[in-house]
Amino acid sequence: MPDALSLDEATSLPVGYNTACMMLFHARMGMHLGAPLLVYGASSSIGLNAVQLAKNAGRVVVAVASSRNADMLQPRARCLL
């Protein structure tokens, strides 16, 4: 665990990953092959994880977030709105 994180912060990290993973891979509405994925709120914990998981699965990701978070999302999404 990084020294900069409290125990409460560190224990909450898997929540965003698990939620994104459940929606992308386990829910029936999830990953349709070949279709681009729109992630609205892509700079949130769940959004960032969804962008990374989908990109690693070979999906084209369209990430929507505020302009102040564009630099954080640029390397993670192929198309940024």
Protein backbone atom coordinates (compact mmCIF):
# COMPACT_ATOMS: atom_id res chain seq x y z
CA MET A 1 0.00 0.00 0.00
CA PRO A 2 1.41 3.41 -0.93
CA ASP A 3 2.40 5.55 2.06
CA ALA A 4 0.37 8.47 0.73
CA LEU A 5 -2.92 6.56 1.14
CA SER A 6 -4.81 6.03 4.36
CA LEU A 7 -6.23 2.59 5.08
CA ASP A 8 -9.74 3.86 4.23
CA GLU A 9 -8.56 5.20 0.86
CA ALA A 10 -6.65 2.05 0.01
CA THR A 11 -9.56 -0.25 0.82
CA SER A 12 -11.85 1.73 -1.48
CA LEU A 13 -9.61 1.37 -4.56
CA PRO A 14 -11.01 -2.01 -5.73
CA VAL A 15 -14.60 -0.70 -5.73
CA GLY A 16 -14.22 1.23 -8.99
CA TYR A 17 -12.44 -1.67 -10.68
CA ASN A 18 -14.95 -4.26 -9.55
CA THR A 19 -17.94 -2.13 -10.60
CA ALA A 20 -16.48 -1.44 -14.06
CA CYS A 21 -15.54 -5.10 -14.50
CA MET A 22 -19.03 -6.27 -13.56
CA MET A 23 -20.67 -3.87 -16.02
CA LEU A 24 -18.30 -4.59 -18.91
CA PHE A 25 -17.83 -8.33 -18.64
CA HIS A 26 -20.54 -9.82 -16.45
CA ALA A 27 -23.70 -7.82 -17.15
CA ARG A 28 -25.70 -8.84 -20.21
CA MET A 29 -25.49 -5.26 -21.53
CA GLY A 30 -21.69 -5.35 -21.50
CA MET A 31 -19.10 -5.79 -24.20
CA HIS A 32 -20.62 -6.09 -27.67
CA LEU A 33 -17.80 -7.05 -29.99
CA GLY A 34 -16.76 -4.38 -32.43
CA ALA A 35 -18.95 -1.61 -31.04
CA PRO A 36 -17.24 1.46 -29.59
CA LEU A 37 -17.78 2.04 -25.89
CA LEU A 38 -18.96 5.42 -24.60
CA VAL A 39 -17.83 6.10 -21.04
CA TYR A 40 -19.60 9.14 -19.64
CA GLY A 41 -17.85 10.46 -16.54
CA ALA A 42 -14.63 8.81 -17.60
CA SER A 43 -12.51 10.67 -15.04
CA SER A 44 -14.32 9.05 -12.10
CA SER A 45 -13.03 5.96 -10.35
CA ILE A 46 -15.43 3.66 -12.19
CA GLY A 47 -14.98 5.55 -15.47
CA LEU A 48 -11.17 5.35 -15.45
CA ASN A 49 -11.31 1.64 -14.76
CA ALA A 50 -13.93 1.10 -17.47
CA VAL A 51 -11.76 2.96 -20.00
CA GLN A 52 -8.67 0.91 -19.15
CA LEU A 53 -10.48 -2.45 -19.06
CA ALA A 54 -12.26 -1.82 -22.37
CA LYS A 55 -9.11 -0.57 -24.08
CA ASN A 56 -7.19 -3.65 -22.89
CA ALA A 57 -10.01 -5.80 -24.32
CA GLY A 58 -9.48 -4.19 -27.72
CA ARG A 59 -12.46 -1.83 -27.73
CA VAL A 60 -12.48 1.68 -29.15
CA VAL A 61 -13.23 3.91 -26.17
CA VAL A 62 -14.95 7.28 -26.36
CA ALA A 63 -14.33 9.02 -23.04
CA VAL A 64 -16.46 11.94 -21.88
CA ALA A 65 -15.21 14.09 -19.00
CA SER A 66 -14.67 17.70 -18.07
CA SER A 67 -11.95 19.64 -19.88
CA ARG A 68 -9.84 19.90 -16.71
CA ASN A 69 -9.43 16.11 -16.73
CA ALA A 70 -8.58 15.77 -20.43
CA ASP A 71 -4.83 15.38 -19.83
CA MET A 72 -5.44 12.44 -17.50
CA LEU A 73 -7.66 10.66 -20.04
CA GLN A 74 -5.74 11.36 -23.24
CA PRO A 75 -3.34 8.39 -23.03
CA ARG A 76 -6.16 6.04 -21.98
CA ALA A 77 -8.83 6.71 -24.62
CA ARG A 78 -8.60 6.70 -28.40
CA CYS A 79 -11.21 9.40 -28.77
CA LEU A 80 -11.78 12.14 -26.21
CA LEU A 81 -14.81 14.43 -26.10
